[in-house]
Protein backbone atom coordinates (compact mmCIF):
# COMPACT_ATOMS: atom_id res chain seq x y z
CA UNK A 1 -63.61 -11.74 -32.08
CA UNK A 2 -64.56 -8.49 -30.33
CA UNK A 3 -62.65 -5.39 -31.18
CA UNK A 4 -60.15 -4.08 -28.70
CA UNK A 5 -60.82 -0.82 -26.84
CA UNK A 6 -58.68 2.15 -27.80
CA UNK A 7 -56.88 4.29 -25.24
CA UNK A 8 -59.20 7.19 -26.08
CA UNK A 9 -62.33 5.23 -25.09
CA UNK A 10 -60.79 4.24 -21.70
CA UNK A 11 -59.89 7.86 -21.02
CA UNK A 12 -63.51 8.96 -21.76
CA UNK A 13 -65.00 6.41 -19.29
CA UNK A 14 -62.70 7.30 -16.40
CA UNK A 15 -64.54 10.61 -15.44
CA UNK A 16 -67.89 8.79 -15.52
CA UNK A 17 -66.55 6.07 -13.24
CA UNK A 18 -65.19 8.67 -10.81
CA UNK A 19 -68.57 10.42 -10.64
CA UNK A 20 -70.32 7.12 -9.84
CA UNK A 21 -67.84 6.32 -7.11
CA UNK A 22 -68.33 9.78 -5.55
CA UNK A 23 -72.15 9.31 -5.56
CA UNK A 24 -71.89 5.87 -3.93
CA UNK A 25 -69.44 7.30 -1.40
CA UNK A 26 -71.88 10.10 -0.46
CA UNK A 27 -74.70 7.57 0.08
CA UNK A 28 -72.59 5.38 2.34
CA UNK A 29 -70.96 8.30 4.16
CA UNK A 30 -71.85 8.69 7.82
CA UNK A 31 -72.63 12.15 9.23
CA UNK A 32 -69.59 11.94 11.49
CA UNK A 33 -67.35 11.74 8.41
CA UNK A 34 -68.55 15.12 7.09
CA UNK A 35 -66.16 17.86 8.13
CA UNK A 36 -68.44 20.83 7.60
CA UNK A 37 -70.54 21.34 10.78
CA UNK A 38 -73.62 22.77 9.07
CA UNK A 39 -73.75 19.98 6.44
CA UNK A 40 -73.10 17.37 9.12
CA UNK A 41 -76.01 18.69 11.24
CA UNK A 42 -78.35 18.83 8.25
CA UNK A 43 -77.51 15.26 7.16
CA UNK A 44 -77.91 13.99 10.75
CA UNK A 45 -81.33 15.73 11.10
CA UNK A 46 -82.47 14.30 7.78
CA UNK A 47 -81.45 10.75 8.71
CA UNK A 48 -83.10 11.11 12.13
CA UNK A 49 -86.37 12.32 10.53
CA UNK A 50 -86.30 9.49 8.00
CA UNK A 51 -85.74 6.95 10.77
CA UNK A 52 -88.68 8.38 12.68
CA UNK A 53 -90.93 8.17 9.62
CA UNK A 54 -89.87 4.54 8.96
CA UNK A 55 -90.64 3.60 12.54
CA UNK A 56 -94.07 5.27 12.37
CA UNK A 57 -94.81 3.48 9.12
CA UNK A 58 -93.94 0.09 10.64
CA UNK A 59 -96.16 0.79 13.67
CA UNK A 60 -99.11 1.73 11.44
CA UNK A 61 -98.62 -1.38 9.31
CA UNK A 62 -98.51 -3.56 12.40
CA UNK A 63 -101.66 -2.00 13.84
CA UNK A 64 -103.46 -2.40 10.55
CA UNK A 65 -102.50 -6.07 10.40
CA UNK A 66 -103.74 -6.67 13.96
CA UNK A 67 -107.06 -4.88 13.19
CA UNK A 68 -107.55 -6.92 10.03
CA UNK A 69 -106.82 -10.18 11.82
CA UNK A 70 -109.37 -9.36 14.58
CA UNK A 71 -112.00 -8.49 11.97
CA UNK A 72 -111.48 -11.84 10.22
CA UNK A 73 -111.51 -13.74 13.53
CA UNK A 74 -107.87 -14.79 13.18
CA UNK A 75 -105.04 -14.61 15.64
CA UNK A 76 -103.09 -11.32 15.43
CA UNK A 77 -99.38 -11.57 14.48
CA UNK A 78 -97.10 -12.05 17.52
CA UNK A 79 -95.73 -8.89 19.07
CA UNK A 80 -92.06 -8.19 18.63
CA UNK A 81 -90.06 -8.50 21.86
CA UNK A 82 -86.95 -6.30 21.89
CA UNK A 83 -83.67 -8.04 22.74
CA UNK A 84 -82.28 -6.81 26.04
CA UNK A 85 -79.45 -7.92 28.29
CA UNK A 86 -81.99 -9.12 30.86
CA UNK A 87 -84.02 -11.38 28.56
CA UNK A 88 -80.90 -12.82 26.91
CA UNK A 89 -79.04 -13.54 30.16
CA UNK A 90 -77.01 -16.76 30.36
CA UNK A 91 -78.81 -19.79 31.72
CA UNK A 92 -78.19 -20.19 35.47
CA UNK A 93 -78.84 -23.52 37.23
CA UNK A 94 -79.40 -21.78 40.57
CA UNK A 95 -82.50 -19.87 39.47
CA UNK A 96 -85.31 -20.48 42.02
CA UNK A 97 -88.42 -22.26 40.71
CA UNK A 98 -91.93 -21.89 42.26
CA UNK A 99 -92.07 -25.63 42.99
CA UNK A 100 -88.63 -25.90 44.63
CA UNK A 101 -89.53 -27.79 47.86
CA UNK A 102 -85.91 -27.88 49.00
CA UNK A 103 -85.69 -24.06 48.87
CA UNK A 104 -88.86 -23.56 50.94
CA UNK A 105 -87.81 -26.18 53.45
CA UNK A 106 -84.48 -24.37 53.91
CA UNK A 107 -86.33 -21.09 54.62
CA UNK A 108 -87.80 -22.58 57.80
CA UNK A 109 -84.40 -23.28 59.34
CA UNK A 110 -82.11 -20.49 58.07
CA UNK A 111 -80.72 -17.60 60.07
CA UNK A 112 -83.55 -15.21 59.21
CA UNK A 113 -86.51 -17.51 59.91
CA UNK A 114 -87.05 -16.25 63.53
CA UNK A 115 -87.41 -12.65 62.39
CA UNK A 116 -89.47 -13.43 59.26
CA UNK A 117 -91.87 -15.62 61.20
CA UNK A 118 -92.29 -12.74 63.76
CA UNK A 119 -90.75 -14.71 66.59
CA UNK A 120 -88.18 -11.91 67.02
CA UNK A 121 -88.66 -8.20 66.43
CA UNK A 122 -86.01 -6.61 64.16
CA UNK A 123 -83.62 -4.40 66.07
CA UNK A 124 -80.71 -2.90 64.15
CA UNK A 125 -77.48 -1.41 65.44
CA UNK A 126 -75.83 1.12 63.06
CA UNK A 127 -72.28 2.29 63.43
CA UNK A 128 -69.49 3.67 61.28
CA UNK A 129 -65.89 2.87 60.38
CA UNK A 130 -63.15 4.23 62.60
CA UNK A 131 -62.33 7.14 60.27
CA UNK A 132 -65.63 8.87 59.72
CA UNK A 133 -66.70 12.00 57.86
CA UNK A 134 -69.57 14.47 57.82
CA UNK A 135 -71.46 12.57 55.07
CA UNK A 136 -71.39 9.36 57.12
CA UNK A 137 -73.57 10.56 60.04
CA UNK A 138 -75.93 12.36 57.61
CA UNK A 139 -76.40 9.07 55.71
CA UNK A 140 -76.93 7.19 58.98
CA UNK A 141 -79.57 9.73 60.05
CA UNK A 142 -81.47 8.98 56.81
CA UNK A 143 -81.11 5.20 57.35
CA UNK A 144 -82.51 5.52 60.89
CA UNK A 145 -85.61 7.23 59.47
CA UNK A 146 -86.04 4.40 56.95
CA UNK A 147 -85.42 1.33 59.20
CA UNK A 148 -87.74 1.13 62.23
CA UNK A 149 -86.11 0.42 65.56
CA UNK A 150 -82.60 1.28 64.32
CA UNK A 151 -80.12 2.75 66.79
CA UNK A 152 -76.82 4.59 66.13
CA UNK A 153 -73.78 3.88 68.30
CA UNK A 154 -70.54 5.77 67.94
CA UNK A 155 -67.70 3.49 66.82
CA UNK A 156 -64.84 5.10 68.69
CA UNK A 157 -61.81 2.75 68.96
CA UNK A 158 -63.87 -0.43 69.49
CA UNK A 159 -63.04 -3.54 67.50
CA UNK A 160 -65.86 -4.78 65.26
CA UNK A 161 -65.93 -8.18 66.93
CA UNK A 162 -66.49 -6.48 70.32
CA UNK A 163 -69.36 -4.51 68.79
CA UNK A 164 -70.92 -7.72 67.47
CA UNK A 165 -70.56 -9.31 70.90
CA UNK A 166 -72.19 -6.28 72.56
CA UNK A 167 -75.04 -6.28 70.02
CA UNK A 168 -75.72 -9.97 70.77
CA UNK A 169 -75.90 -9.29 74.49
CA UNK A 170 -78.38 -6.45 73.85
CA UNK A 171 -80.49 -8.71 71.63
CA UNK A 172 -79.96 -6.84 68.37
CA UNK A 173 -80.88 -8.80 65.24
CA UNK A 174 -78.50 -7.05 62.78
CA UNK A 175 -75.48 -4.75 62.70
CA UNK A 176 -74.92 -2.28 59.82
CA UNK A 177 -71.48 -0.70 59.44
CA UNK A 178 -71.17 2.34 57.12
CA UNK A 179 -67.65 2.48 55.66
CA UNK A 180 -66.30 5.82 54.53
CA UNK A 181 -63.52 6.62 52.08
CA UNK A 182 -62.42 10.11 51.10
CA UNK A 183 -65.25 11.67 53.05
CA UNK A 184 -67.86 9.71 51.15
CA UNK A 185 -69.70 6.52 52.27
CA UNK A 186 -68.62 3.79 49.84
CA UNK A 187 -69.50 0.44 51.47
CA UNK A 188 -72.03 -1.25 53.74
CA UNK A 189 -71.34 -4.23 55.99
CA UNK A 190 -74.53 -6.02 57.09
CA UNK A 191 -74.10 -8.63 59.83
CA UNK A 192 -76.96 -10.92 60.83
CA UNK A 193 -77.15 -11.85 64.53
CA UNK A 194 -76.55 -14.10 66.35
CA UNK A 195 -75.22 -16.54 63.72
CA UNK A 196 -74.62 -14.42 60.60
CA UNK A 197 -74.22 -14.31 57.68
CA UNK A 198 -72.17 -11.20 56.88
CA UNK A 199 -72.71 -9.38 53.58
CA UNK A 200 -70.31 -6.79 52.16
CA UNK A 201 -71.86 -4.35 49.66
CA UNK A 202 -70.23 -1.66 47.58
CA UNK A 203 -72.18 1.60 47.93
CA UNK A 204 -72.40 4.07 45.09
CA UNK A 205 -74.58 6.86 43.61
CA UNK A 206 -75.54 8.07 47.09
CA UNK A 207 -77.97 10.99 47.24
CA UNK A 208 -79.04 12.14 50.69
CA UNK A 209 -82.59 13.25 51.46
CA UNK A 210 -81.61 16.92 51.59
CA UNK A 211 -80.17 16.70 48.07
CA UNK A 212 -83.37 15.34 46.50
CA UNK A 213 -85.56 18.05 45.01
CA UNK A 214 -89.12 18.28 46.44
CA UNK A 215 -88.44 15.40 48.82
CA UNK A 216 -91.11 14.19 51.26
CA UNK A 217 -90.85 13.88 55.01
CA UNK A 218 -91.63 10.26 56.09
CA UNK A 219 -93.64 9.37 59.16
CA UNK A 220 -92.65 6.91 61.90
CA UNK A 221 -94.98 4.19 60.57
CA UNK A 222 -93.60 0.79 59.63
CA UNK A 223 -92.98 0.80 55.86
CA UNK A 224 -94.17 -1.58 53.21
CA UNK A 225 -91.18 -3.48 51.75
CA UNK A 226 -90.86 -4.37 48.04
CA UNK A 227 -88.14 -6.72 46.81
CA UNK A 228 -87.97 -7.41 43.06
CA UNK A 229 -85.91 -9.60 40.73
CA UNK A 230 -83.93 -11.62 43.31
CA UNK A 231 -84.25 -14.79 41.24
CA UNK A 232 -81.27 -17.08 42.05
CA UNK A 233 -80.54 -18.94 45.29
CA UNK A 234 -77.88 -16.37 46.17
CA UNK A 235 -80.32 -13.54 45.35
CA UNK A 236 -83.03 -15.26 47.44
CA UNK A 237 -80.63 -15.44 50.43
CA UNK A 238 -79.57 -11.78 50.06
CA UNK A 239 -83.24 -10.77 49.71
CA UNK A 240 -84.17 -12.55 52.95
CA UNK A 241 -81.25 -10.87 54.69
CA UNK A 242 -82.54 -7.42 53.59
CA UNK A 243 -86.06 -8.45 54.53
CA UNK A 244 -84.93 -9.31 58.08
CA UNK A 245 -83.94 -5.67 58.65
CA UNK A 246 -87.61 -4.57 58.54
CA UNK A 247 -90.71 -5.53 60.54
CA UNK A 248 -93.04 -7.99 58.88
CA UNK A 249 -96.23 -6.13 59.84
CA UNK A 250 -96.28 -2.94 57.77
CA UNK A 251 -98.56 -0.07 58.74
CA UNK A 252 -100.23 0.86 55.48
CA UNK A 253 -101.76 3.92 57.10
CA UNK A 254 -98.35 5.57 56.93
CA UNK A 255 -98.27 5.17 53.10
CA UNK A 256 -94.52 4.46 53.14
CA UNK A 257 -92.87 2.04 50.75
CA UNK A 258 -89.21 0.94 50.64
CA UNK A 259 -87.97 -0.69 47.47
CA UNK A 260 -84.91 -2.86 46.72
CA UNK A 261 -84.87 -3.48 43.00
CA UNK A 262 -82.20 -5.85 41.57
CA UNK A 263 -81.13 -5.30 37.98
CA UNK A 264 -77.98 -6.77 36.48
CA UNK A 265 -76.66 -7.49 40.00
CA UNK A 266 -77.05 -3.84 41.07
CA UNK A 267 -79.53 -3.31 43.90
CA UNK A 268 -81.29 0.07 43.60
CA UNK A 269 -82.73 1.50 46.86
CA UNK A 270 -85.66 3.92 46.81
CA UNK A 271 -87.89 5.27 49.55
CA UNK A 272 -91.28 6.77 48.62
CA UNK A 273 -94.63 7.68 50.14
CA UNK A 274 -98.00 7.56 48.49
CA UNK A 275 -99.91 10.79 47.98
CA UNK A 276 -103.65 10.81 47.14
CA UNK A 277 -104.96 14.01 45.59
CA UNK A 278 -108.53 14.94 44.77
CA UNK A 279 -108.88 16.84 41.56
CA UNK A 280 -111.93 18.31 39.85
CA UNK A 281 -112.55 17.64 36.19
CA UNK A 282 -115.05 19.84 34.37
CA UNK A 283 -117.44 18.25 31.87
CA UNK A 284 -119.85 20.11 29.59
CA UNK A 285 -123.50 19.14 29.54
CA UNK A 286 -125.54 18.71 26.36
CA UNK A 287 -126.93 21.87 24.74
CA UNK A 288 -130.56 20.95 25.47
CA UNK A 289 -130.15 20.65 29.24
CA UNK A 290 -127.85 23.60 30.19
CA UNK A 291 -126.29 26.61 28.62
CA UNK A 292 -122.76 26.63 27.28
CA UNK A 293 -121.38 28.56 30.25
CA UNK A 294 -122.66 26.13 32.88
CA UNK A 295 -120.40 23.08 33.49
CA UNK A 296 -120.66 19.96 35.60
CA UNK A 297 -117.68 19.25 37.92
CA UNK A 298 -116.67 15.72 38.80
CA UNK A 299 -114.13 14.80 41.50
CA UNK A 300 -111.54 12.04 41.03
CA UNK A 301 -108.70 10.77 43.19
CA UNK A 302 -105.20 10.60 41.70
CA UNK A 303 -102.40 8.57 43.33
CA UNK A 304 -98.76 9.47 42.92
CA UNK A 305 -95.39 8.83 44.56
CA UNK A 306 -93.16 11.31 46.34
CA UNK A 307 -89.59 10.31 46.98
CA UNK A 308 -88.41 10.68 50.56
CA UNK A 309 -84.81 9.59 50.21
CA UNK A 310 -82.08 8.62 50.59
CA UNK A 311 -81.21 7.11 47.20
CA UNK A 312 -78.28 4.75 46.57
CA UNK A 313 -77.08 1.62 44.72
CA UNK A 314 -75.60 -1.55 46.24
CA UNK A 315 -73.48 -4.28 44.64
CA UNK A 316 -72.69 -7.47 46.51
CA UNK A 317 -68.93 -8.05 47.00
CA UNK A 318 -68.99 -11.07 49.32
CA UNK A 319 -71.22 -13.18 51.53
CA UNK A 320 -69.55 -14.79 54.54
CA UNK A 321 -70.74 -17.60 56.85
CA UNK A 322 -71.26 -16.51 60.45
CA UNK A 323 -70.49 -13.11 61.87
CA UNK A 324 -67.64 -10.87 60.80
CA UNK A 325 -64.22 -12.60 60.73
CA UNK A 326 -61.55 -11.50 58.25
CA UNK A 327 -58.99 -14.18 59.15
CA UNK A 328 -60.78 -17.48 59.79
CA UNK A 329 -64.15 -16.82 58.16
CA UNK A 330 -65.55 -19.05 55.41
CA UNK A 331 -67.19 -17.39 52.43
CA UNK A 332 -70.39 -18.56 50.71
CA UNK A 333 -69.77 -16.33 47.71
CA UNK A 334 -67.06 -13.82 46.68
CA UNK A 335 -67.08 -11.63 43.60
CA UNK A 336 -63.90 -11.95 41.54
CA UNK A 337 -62.77 -10.00 38.44
CA UNK A 338 -62.72 -13.15 36.28
CA UNK A 339 -66.49 -13.50 36.82
CA UNK A 340 -67.10 -10.40 34.64
CA UNK A 341 -66.16 -12.05 31.36
CA UNK A 342 -69.77 -11.86 30.07
CA UNK A 343 -72.24 -8.98 30.23
CA UNK A 344 -75.13 -11.44 30.23
CA UNK A 345 -74.07 -13.38 33.31
CA UNK A 346 -75.82 -12.39 36.56
CA UNK A 347 -75.57 -13.94 40.02
CA UNK A 348 -78.53 -12.43 41.94
């Protein structure tokens, strides 16, 4: 039988227990829980430095393992791929495959085939909503400099159906309507002619050319068009609709490139031009041939991009069959709030 502890022994162990609990609490305490600002900043800096050292140590260990494997003639360990929302997206049955014969057969008979096969030249009519603002025409002026053969027509009191009818008679291939709310463009309506479809985009993060620092001035050459990450059937259709706004024979001499990049169903628009600069790099010769002061210059060409503007982001709200019709129109796809239940579900 073990002897029972006296009350005096229990009282002696209590302070030791409290000290241990305090030490464990300090170790598990987050910097945000520290009330003193100086101590909080010091602890945060220490944790950040330790995290940086641990990361550097892991990188060096991985590089050493790869080097050792190559020396032994073995396969290096597989590289770690970070988990992102894009590479963990939910499986979508409508993703286009390279060997999808049905998809390519449909491309030959859809509404954009005549323009994309160069049977018709793209001609775009741009107008505004009935209640316009100063930012609307400024944005349209930038769009006209981006899209070749684009023409601005004042909306006035005309109904949109009459504008579509007029555009068909004048052999336009597309109509773009810039919608304005609270003096700021907030939506784009793109109507394919003569048979549609009609796409409604939400417009956000607009930055006009004049607001971009060190912006370039584009030429009148036909731009090169870049569309990326339109992977599903809906994205493929939207991509072909955007493609039909531009000529299919870019003039590379103008060094202009227009990009529509889809990421997480947000379409980012950018307009750049290539700049080629010739720079001289100085190289020292060996001591035996020339003196230390004499140097050999070598020219090299450096390519960079200069943004021309404008800059904005689009998000598809709906895609409607045929030309614009709010009452009797049938919709191919409509975005609804209940579709946003998962962050890893994308439609384009």
